[in-house]
């Protein structure tokens, strides 16, 4: 079991009403799994796996080819975690060689909708973010202390 993962789910807070929303309740309260779930579903490999599985059922090797840069071990770990969380369904067919397919569960499909919203937001604001980064980098470069070498005596 992954470090920091409890064996049974627990309810730690209700984030229903925005004006009562307190980030510290899900960030630090003992036994709260919201942070763990967010860490899982928001990591790079999970997002990419969910995005690809939204289109169709895929075999492991197909997913690995589609997700640039992922290792076999990392894809295995990611898919197991998503399956454990009920977001991905793994189907093993009793043939030789074994055939294994992955697909989103209905709950996983609802998560893809949320991911798509985040991607849309990113696309809508990418120019603004690029400008902000350039301005920040420029400020950092101009504020950097000048180091001058002291002549040797």
N, C-alpha and C. Protein backbone atom coordinates (compact mmCIF):
# COMPACT_ATOMS: atom_id res chain seq x y z
N UNK A 1 0.85 -1.18 0.00
CA UNK A 1 0.00 0.00 0.00
C UNK A 1 0.89 1.24 0.00
N UNK A 2 0.48 2.24 -0.73
CA UNK A 2 1.24 3.48 -0.85
C UNK A 2 1.30 4.19 0.50
N UNK A 3 2.47 4.74 0.79
CA UNK A 3 2.64 5.47 2.04
C UNK A 3 1.64 6.61 2.12
N UNK A 4 1.00 6.77 3.26
CA UNK A 4 0.05 7.85 3.45
C UNK A 4 -1.36 7.51 3.02
N UNK A 5 -1.57 6.29 2.52
CA UNK A 5 -2.90 5.88 2.09
C UNK A 5 -3.53 5.05 3.19
N UNK A 6 -4.70 5.47 3.64
CA UNK A 6 -5.37 4.70 4.68
C UNK A 6 -6.12 3.55 4.04
N UNK A 7 -6.45 2.53 4.84
CA UNK A 7 -7.09 1.34 4.31
C UNK A 7 -8.58 1.51 4.08
N UNK A 8 -9.20 2.42 4.76
CA UNK A 8 -10.63 2.60 4.57
C UNK A 8 -10.94 4.07 4.36
N UNK A 9 -11.93 4.35 3.52
CA UNK A 9 -12.26 5.75 3.27
C UNK A 9 -12.90 6.40 4.48
N UNK A 10 -12.67 7.67 4.62
CA UNK A 10 -13.29 8.42 5.70
C UNK A 10 -13.73 9.77 5.17
N UNK A 11 -14.75 10.30 5.76
CA UNK A 11 -15.27 11.60 5.36
C UNK A 11 -14.69 12.63 6.31
N UNK A 12 -14.06 13.66 5.75
CA UNK A 12 -13.42 14.61 6.65
C UNK A 12 -14.02 16.00 6.59
N UNK A 13 -14.63 16.33 5.50
CA UNK A 13 -15.17 17.68 5.40
C UNK A 13 -16.16 17.76 4.27
N UNK A 14 -16.98 18.77 4.31
CA UNK A 14 -17.95 19.01 3.25
C UNK A 14 -17.55 20.29 2.56
N UNK A 15 -17.30 20.20 1.26
CA UNK A 15 -16.86 21.38 0.52
C UNK A 15 -18.00 21.98 -0.29
N UNK A 16 -19.22 21.68 0.09
CA UNK A 16 -20.40 22.09 -0.66
C UNK A 16 -20.57 23.57 -0.86
N UNK A 17 -20.61 24.37 0.19
CA UNK A 17 -20.88 25.80 0.08
C UNK A 17 -19.55 26.55 -0.01
N UNK A 18 -19.35 27.30 -1.10
CA UNK A 18 -18.07 27.96 -1.34
C UNK A 18 -17.69 28.94 -0.24
N UNK A 19 -18.65 29.64 0.33
CA UNK A 19 -18.26 30.61 1.34
C UNK A 19 -17.79 29.93 2.63
N UNK A 20 -18.15 28.67 2.84
CA UNK A 20 -17.68 27.92 4.00
C UNK A 20 -16.47 27.06 3.67
N UNK A 21 -16.00 27.10 2.42
CA UNK A 21 -14.90 26.26 1.96
C UNK A 21 -13.61 26.65 2.68
N UNK A 22 -13.01 25.68 3.34
CA UNK A 22 -11.77 25.92 4.08
C UNK A 22 -10.75 24.90 3.61
N UNK A 23 -9.78 25.36 2.83
CA UNK A 23 -8.78 24.46 2.25
C UNK A 23 -8.01 23.70 3.33
N UNK A 24 -7.84 24.30 4.49
CA UNK A 24 -7.07 23.62 5.54
C UNK A 24 -7.78 22.37 6.04
N UNK A 25 -9.09 22.29 5.85
CA UNK A 25 -9.80 21.10 6.32
C UNK A 25 -9.42 19.87 5.52
N UNK A 26 -9.20 20.00 4.22
CA UNK A 26 -8.82 18.82 3.47
C UNK A 26 -7.32 18.69 3.28
N UNK A 27 -6.60 19.70 3.65
CA UNK A 27 -5.16 19.65 3.46
C UNK A 27 -4.44 18.96 4.62
N UNK A 28 -4.93 19.10 5.84
CA UNK A 28 -4.16 18.60 6.97
C UNK A 28 -4.92 17.72 7.96
N UNK A 29 -6.23 17.72 7.91
CA UNK A 29 -6.96 16.95 8.91
C UNK A 29 -6.66 15.47 8.81
N UNK A 30 -6.37 14.87 9.92
CA UNK A 30 -6.03 13.46 9.96
C UNK A 30 -7.19 12.62 9.45
N UNK A 31 -6.87 11.64 8.61
CA UNK A 31 -7.88 10.74 8.11
C UNK A 31 -8.62 11.24 6.88
N UNK A 32 -8.35 12.45 6.44
CA UNK A 32 -9.04 12.99 5.28
C UNK A 32 -8.34 12.52 4.02
N UNK A 33 -9.10 11.95 3.11
CA UNK A 33 -8.51 11.40 1.90
C UNK A 33 -8.62 12.31 0.69
N UNK A 34 -9.23 13.48 0.84
CA UNK A 34 -9.39 14.37 -0.31
C UNK A 34 -8.03 14.73 -0.90
N UNK A 35 -7.07 15.05 -0.06
CA UNK A 35 -5.73 15.41 -0.54
C UNK A 35 -5.11 14.25 -1.31
N UNK A 36 -5.25 13.04 -0.77
CA UNK A 36 -4.69 11.86 -1.44
C UNK A 36 -5.34 11.64 -2.80
N UNK A 37 -6.64 11.81 -2.86
CA UNK A 37 -7.35 11.61 -4.13
C UNK A 37 -6.94 12.68 -5.13
N UNK A 38 -6.85 13.94 -4.68
CA UNK A 38 -6.40 15.01 -5.58
C UNK A 38 -4.98 14.75 -6.08
N UNK A 39 -4.11 14.30 -5.20
CA UNK A 39 -2.74 13.99 -5.62
C UNK A 39 -2.75 12.92 -6.71
N UNK A 40 -3.60 11.95 -6.57
CA UNK A 40 -3.67 10.85 -7.53
C UNK A 40 -4.23 11.31 -8.87
N UNK A 41 -5.41 11.92 -8.85
CA UNK A 41 -6.07 12.23 -10.12
C UNK A 41 -5.44 13.42 -10.84
N UNK A 42 -4.69 14.24 -10.12
CA UNK A 42 -4.11 15.42 -10.74
C UNK A 42 -2.66 15.21 -11.16
N UNK A 43 -2.12 14.01 -10.97
CA UNK A 43 -0.74 13.83 -11.41
C UNK A 43 -0.68 13.66 -12.93
N UNK A 44 0.45 13.98 -13.49
CA UNK A 44 0.63 14.00 -14.94
C UNK A 44 0.22 12.70 -15.62
N UNK A 45 0.68 11.58 -15.10
CA UNK A 45 0.42 10.29 -15.77
C UNK A 45 -1.05 9.89 -15.67
N UNK A 46 -1.67 10.15 -14.54
CA UNK A 46 -3.10 9.83 -14.39
C UNK A 46 -3.94 10.65 -15.36
N UNK A 47 -3.64 11.95 -15.45
CA UNK A 47 -4.38 12.81 -16.36
C UNK A 47 -4.28 12.32 -17.80
N UNK A 48 -3.09 11.94 -18.21
CA UNK A 48 -2.90 11.47 -19.58
C UNK A 48 -3.59 10.13 -19.82
N UNK A 49 -3.50 9.22 -18.86
CA UNK A 49 -4.17 7.92 -19.00
C UNK A 49 -5.68 8.11 -19.11
N UNK A 50 -6.24 8.93 -18.24
CA UNK A 50 -7.68 9.18 -18.26
C UNK A 50 -8.10 9.83 -19.59
N UNK A 51 -7.32 10.77 -20.07
CA UNK A 51 -7.64 11.44 -21.32
C UNK A 51 -7.66 10.45 -22.49
N UNK A 52 -6.68 9.56 -22.55
CA UNK A 52 -6.63 8.58 -23.64
C UNK A 52 -7.74 7.54 -23.51
N UNK A 53 -8.04 7.13 -22.28
CA UNK A 53 -9.08 6.11 -22.08
C UNK A 53 -10.48 6.67 -22.31
N UNK A 54 -10.62 7.97 -22.29
CA UNK A 54 -11.93 8.56 -22.53
C UNK A 54 -12.39 8.27 -23.95
N UNK A 55 -11.46 8.17 -24.85
CA UNK A 55 -11.78 7.95 -26.26
C UNK A 55 -12.22 6.52 -26.55
N UNK A 56 -11.54 5.55 -25.89
CA UNK A 56 -11.85 4.14 -26.16
C UNK A 56 -11.11 3.23 -25.19
N UNK A 57 -11.50 1.97 -25.20
CA UNK A 57 -10.81 0.95 -24.43
C UNK A 57 -9.45 0.69 -25.08
N UNK A 58 -8.42 0.57 -24.25
CA UNK A 58 -7.07 0.38 -24.78
C UNK A 58 -6.34 -0.74 -24.08
N UNK A 59 -5.45 -1.37 -24.80
CA UNK A 59 -4.56 -2.36 -24.21
C UNK A 59 -3.38 -1.61 -23.60
N UNK A 60 -2.67 -2.28 -22.69
CA UNK A 60 -1.53 -1.68 -22.01
C UNK A 60 -0.52 -1.13 -23.01
N UNK A 61 -0.15 -1.95 -24.00
CA UNK A 61 0.87 -1.52 -24.97
C UNK A 61 0.41 -0.31 -25.78
N UNK A 62 -0.88 -0.22 -26.07
CA UNK A 62 -1.40 0.94 -26.79
C UNK A 62 -1.27 2.20 -25.93
N UNK A 63 -1.65 2.08 -24.66
CA UNK A 63 -1.52 3.22 -23.75
C UNK A 63 -0.08 3.66 -23.63
N UNK A 64 0.82 2.72 -23.52
CA UNK A 64 2.23 3.06 -23.36
C UNK A 64 2.75 3.81 -24.59
N UNK A 65 2.31 3.40 -25.77
CA UNK A 65 2.72 4.11 -26.99
C UNK A 65 2.13 5.52 -27.04
N UNK A 66 0.91 5.67 -26.56
CA UNK A 66 0.23 6.97 -26.62
C UNK A 66 0.76 7.98 -25.61
N UNK A 67 1.22 7.49 -24.46
CA UNK A 67 1.67 8.39 -23.39
C UNK A 67 3.19 8.55 -23.49
N UNK A 68 3.60 9.60 -24.14
CA UNK A 68 5.01 9.85 -24.39
C UNK A 68 5.79 10.00 -23.09
N UNK A 69 6.86 9.23 -22.97
CA UNK A 69 7.76 9.38 -21.83
C UNK A 69 7.45 8.52 -20.62
N UNK A 70 6.34 7.80 -20.61
CA UNK A 70 6.01 6.99 -19.44
C UNK A 70 6.73 5.64 -19.53
N UNK A 71 7.26 5.20 -18.40
CA UNK A 71 7.91 3.89 -18.36
C UNK A 71 6.86 2.81 -18.15
N UNK A 72 7.23 1.59 -18.44
CA UNK A 72 6.31 0.46 -18.24
C UNK A 72 5.90 0.38 -16.77
N UNK A 73 6.88 0.54 -15.88
CA UNK A 73 6.58 0.46 -14.45
C UNK A 73 5.64 1.58 -14.00
N UNK A 74 5.88 2.81 -14.48
CA UNK A 74 5.04 3.93 -14.07
C UNK A 74 3.63 3.78 -14.60
N UNK A 75 3.48 3.26 -15.81
CA UNK A 75 2.14 3.03 -16.34
C UNK A 75 1.42 1.95 -15.54
N UNK A 76 2.15 0.90 -15.18
CA UNK A 76 1.56 -0.16 -14.36
C UNK A 76 1.07 0.39 -13.03
N UNK A 77 1.91 1.16 -12.36
CA UNK A 77 1.56 1.75 -11.06
C UNK A 77 0.36 2.69 -11.22
N UNK A 78 0.38 3.52 -12.23
CA UNK A 78 -0.71 4.48 -12.46
C UNK A 78 -2.03 3.77 -12.70
N UNK A 79 -2.02 2.77 -13.56
CA UNK A 79 -3.26 2.05 -13.86
C UNK A 79 -3.78 1.30 -12.65
N UNK A 80 -2.89 0.71 -11.86
CA UNK A 80 -3.32 0.02 -10.64
C UNK A 80 -3.98 0.99 -9.66
N UNK A 81 -3.39 2.16 -9.51
CA UNK A 81 -3.95 3.15 -8.59
C UNK A 81 -5.31 3.64 -9.08
N UNK A 82 -5.43 3.88 -10.38
CA UNK A 82 -6.70 4.33 -10.94
C UNK A 82 -7.76 3.23 -10.84
N UNK A 83 -7.34 2.00 -11.00
CA UNK A 83 -8.27 0.87 -10.84
C UNK A 83 -8.70 0.76 -9.38
N UNK A 84 -7.77 0.89 -8.47
CA UNK A 84 -8.08 0.81 -7.04
C UNK A 84 -9.07 1.90 -6.64
N UNK A 85 -8.92 3.08 -7.23
CA UNK A 85 -9.80 4.20 -6.91
C UNK A 85 -11.15 4.13 -7.64
N UNK A 86 -11.33 3.11 -8.47
CA UNK A 86 -12.60 2.93 -9.15
C UNK A 86 -12.77 3.78 -10.39
N UNK A 87 -11.67 4.30 -10.93
CA UNK A 87 -11.75 5.17 -12.10
C UNK A 87 -11.50 4.42 -13.40
N UNK A 88 -10.78 3.30 -13.31
CA UNK A 88 -10.44 2.50 -14.47
C UNK A 88 -10.84 1.06 -14.21
N UNK A 89 -11.36 0.40 -15.25
CA UNK A 89 -11.70 -1.02 -15.16
C UNK A 89 -10.68 -1.79 -15.99
N UNK A 90 -10.13 -2.84 -15.41
CA UNK A 90 -9.16 -3.71 -16.07
C UNK A 90 -9.86 -5.02 -16.38
N UNK A 91 -9.81 -5.44 -17.64
CA UNK A 91 -10.42 -6.70 -18.05
C UNK A 91 -9.34 -7.60 -18.61
N UNK A 92 -9.24 -8.82 -18.04
CA UNK A 92 -8.27 -9.80 -18.50
C UNK A 92 -9.03 -10.88 -19.26
N UNK A 93 -8.60 -11.14 -20.48
CA UNK A 93 -9.22 -12.17 -21.31
C UNK A 93 -8.38 -13.44 -21.23
N UNK A 94 -9.01 -14.59 -20.98
CA UNK A 94 -8.27 -15.85 -20.80
C UNK A 94 -7.83 -16.45 -22.15
N UNK A 95 -6.88 -15.79 -22.77
CA UNK A 95 -6.32 -16.27 -24.03
C UNK A 95 -4.81 -16.31 -23.90
N UNK A 96 -4.16 -16.99 -24.84
CA UNK A 96 -2.70 -17.05 -24.84
C UNK A 96 -2.22 -16.35 -26.09
N UNK A 97 -1.37 -15.35 -25.99
CA UNK A 97 -0.93 -14.69 -24.75
C UNK A 97 -2.08 -13.90 -24.13
N UNK A 98 -1.98 -13.65 -22.81
CA UNK A 98 -3.06 -12.94 -22.12
C UNK A 98 -3.33 -11.57 -22.76
N UNK A 99 -4.59 -11.21 -22.83
CA UNK A 99 -4.97 -9.90 -23.35
C UNK A 99 -5.63 -9.13 -22.21
N UNK A 100 -5.12 -7.93 -21.96
CA UNK A 100 -5.65 -7.09 -20.89
C UNK A 100 -6.05 -5.76 -21.50
N UNK A 101 -7.26 -5.32 -21.17
CA UNK A 101 -7.75 -4.04 -21.67
C UNK A 101 -8.15 -3.14 -20.51
N UNK A 102 -8.04 -1.85 -20.75
CA UNK A 102 -8.39 -0.85 -19.74
C UNK A 102 -9.43 0.09 -20.32
N UNK A 103 -10.38 0.47 -19.47
CA UNK A 103 -11.41 1.44 -19.87
C UNK A 103 -11.80 2.26 -18.66
N UNK A 104 -12.34 3.44 -18.91
CA UNK A 104 -12.83 4.26 -17.80
C UNK A 104 -14.12 3.67 -17.27
N UNK A 105 -14.30 3.75 -15.98
CA UNK A 105 -15.57 3.42 -15.37
C UNK A 105 -16.49 4.63 -15.55
N UNK A 106 -17.78 4.49 -15.27
CA UNK A 106 -18.65 5.67 -15.34
C UNK A 106 -18.14 6.82 -14.47
N UNK A 107 -17.61 6.51 -13.29
CA UNK A 107 -17.07 7.57 -12.43
C UNK A 107 -15.83 8.20 -13.08
N UNK A 108 -14.97 7.38 -13.69
CA UNK A 108 -13.79 7.90 -14.37
C UNK A 108 -14.16 8.81 -15.52
N UNK A 109 -15.25 8.47 -16.22
CA UNK A 109 -15.72 9.31 -17.33
C UNK A 109 -16.15 10.69 -16.83
N UNK A 110 -16.75 10.75 -15.64
CA UNK A 110 -17.14 12.06 -15.10
C UNK A 110 -15.91 12.89 -14.77
N UNK A 111 -14.84 12.23 -14.35
CA UNK A 111 -13.60 12.95 -14.05
C UNK A 111 -13.01 13.52 -15.34
N UNK A 112 -13.14 12.80 -16.44
CA UNK A 112 -12.61 13.32 -17.69
C UNK A 112 -13.25 14.66 -18.06
N UNK A 113 -14.53 14.82 -17.75
CA UNK A 113 -15.22 16.09 -18.01
C UNK A 113 -14.54 17.22 -17.25
N UNK A 114 -14.19 16.97 -16.02
CA UNK A 114 -13.50 17.97 -15.20
C UNK A 114 -12.11 18.27 -15.76
N UNK A 115 -11.41 17.24 -16.18
CA UNK A 115 -10.08 17.42 -16.76
C UNK A 115 -10.19 18.27 -18.03
N UNK A 116 -11.18 17.99 -18.85
CA UNK A 116 -11.37 18.75 -20.09
C UNK A 116 -11.60 20.22 -19.79
N UNK A 117 -12.34 20.52 -18.71
CA UNK A 117 -12.56 21.90 -18.31
C UNK A 117 -11.23 22.57 -17.94
N UNK A 118 -10.39 21.85 -17.22
CA UNK A 118 -9.08 22.38 -16.84
C UNK A 118 -8.21 22.62 -18.07
N UNK A 119 -8.22 21.69 -19.01
CA UNK A 119 -7.44 21.85 -20.25
C UNK A 119 -7.96 23.06 -21.03
N UNK A 120 -9.27 23.19 -21.12
CA UNK A 120 -9.86 24.35 -21.82
C UNK A 120 -9.42 25.66 -21.17
N UNK A 121 -9.44 25.72 -19.85
CA UNK A 121 -9.00 26.92 -19.13
C UNK A 121 -7.54 27.22 -19.47
N UNK A 122 -6.72 26.17 -19.47
CA UNK A 122 -5.30 26.34 -19.77
C UNK A 122 -5.10 26.90 -21.18
N UNK A 123 -5.83 26.33 -22.13
CA UNK A 123 -5.72 26.82 -23.51
C UNK A 123 -6.19 28.27 -23.63
N UNK A 124 -7.26 28.62 -22.92
CA UNK A 124 -7.78 29.99 -22.96
C UNK A 124 -6.80 31.00 -22.37
N UNK A 125 -5.97 30.58 -21.43
CA UNK A 125 -5.10 31.52 -20.70
C UNK A 125 -3.61 31.32 -20.97
N UNK A 126 -3.26 30.46 -21.92
CA UNK A 126 -1.85 30.16 -22.12
C UNK A 126 -1.03 31.38 -22.53
N UNK A 127 -1.60 32.30 -23.32
CA UNK A 127 -0.86 33.50 -23.72
C UNK A 127 -0.61 34.40 -22.51
N UNK A 128 -1.63 34.56 -21.67
CA UNK A 128 -1.47 35.38 -20.46
C UNK A 128 -0.41 34.78 -19.53
N UNK A 129 -0.42 33.47 -19.41
CA UNK A 129 0.55 32.79 -18.56
C UNK A 129 1.96 32.95 -19.13
N UNK A 130 2.09 32.83 -20.44
CA UNK A 130 3.40 33.02 -21.08
C UNK A 130 3.93 34.43 -20.84
N UNK A 131 3.04 35.44 -20.96
CA UNK A 131 3.44 36.83 -20.67
C UNK A 131 3.86 36.99 -19.22
N UNK A 132 3.07 36.44 -18.30
CA UNK A 132 3.39 36.56 -16.88
C UNK A 132 4.73 35.91 -16.56
N UNK A 133 5.00 34.75 -17.16
CA UNK A 133 6.28 34.08 -16.95
C UNK A 133 7.44 34.92 -17.46
N UNK A 134 7.27 35.48 -18.66
CA UNK A 134 8.34 36.31 -19.23
C UNK A 134 8.61 37.54 -18.36
N UNK A 135 7.54 38.18 -17.88
CA UNK A 135 7.70 39.34 -17.00
C UNK A 135 8.39 38.95 -15.70
N UNK A 136 7.99 37.84 -15.13
CA UNK A 136 8.60 37.36 -13.89
C UNK A 136 10.09 37.08 -14.10
N UNK A 137 10.41 36.33 -15.18
CA UNK A 137 11.80 36.00 -15.46
C UNK A 137 12.63 37.26 -15.67
N UNK A 138 12.05 38.26 -16.33
CA UNK A 138 12.75 39.53 -16.56
C UNK A 138 13.03 40.24 -15.24
N UNK A 139 12.01 40.28 -14.37
CA UNK A 139 12.20 40.90 -13.05
C UNK A 139 13.26 40.17 -12.25
N UNK A 140 13.21 38.85 -12.26
CA UNK A 140 14.20 38.07 -11.51
C UNK A 140 15.61 38.33 -12.02
N UNK A 141 15.76 38.41 -13.33
CA UNK A 141 17.09 38.65 -13.91
C UNK A 141 17.60 40.04 -13.54
N UNK A 142 16.71 41.04 -13.51
CA UNK A 142 17.15 42.41 -13.19
C UNK A 142 17.41 42.59 -11.70
N UNK A 143 16.80 41.77 -10.87
CA UNK A 143 16.99 41.87 -9.42
C UNK A 143 18.15 41.02 -8.91
N UNK A 144 18.69 40.18 -9.76
CA UNK A 144 19.78 39.29 -9.34
C UNK A 144 20.99 40.13 -8.94
N UNK A 145 21.58 39.81 -7.80
CA UNK A 145 22.76 40.58 -7.37
C UNK A 145 23.94 40.32 -8.32
N UNK A 146 24.68 41.38 -8.55
CA UNK A 146 25.86 41.28 -9.41
C UNK A 146 27.01 40.82 -8.53
N UNK A 147 27.64 39.74 -8.92
CA UNK A 147 28.78 39.22 -8.16
C UNK A 147 30.04 39.59 -8.91
N UNK A 148 30.92 40.32 -8.22
CA UNK A 148 32.16 40.75 -8.84
C UNK A 148 33.32 40.01 -8.18
N UNK A 149 34.21 39.62 -9.00
CA UNK A 149 35.39 38.91 -8.47
C UNK A 149 36.30 39.91 -7.78
N UNK A 150 36.81 39.49 -6.64
CA UNK A 150 37.77 40.31 -5.91
C UNK A 150 39.16 39.98 -6.43
N UNK A 151 39.92 41.01 -6.82
CA UNK A 151 41.28 40.73 -7.32
C UNK A 151 42.14 40.06 -6.25
N UNK A 152 42.92 39.10 -6.67
CA UNK A 152 43.82 38.40 -5.75
C UNK A 152 44.97 39.32 -5.38
N UNK A 153 45.46 39.23 -4.16
CA UNK A 153 46.56 40.08 -3.70
C UNK A 153 47.83 39.33 -3.69
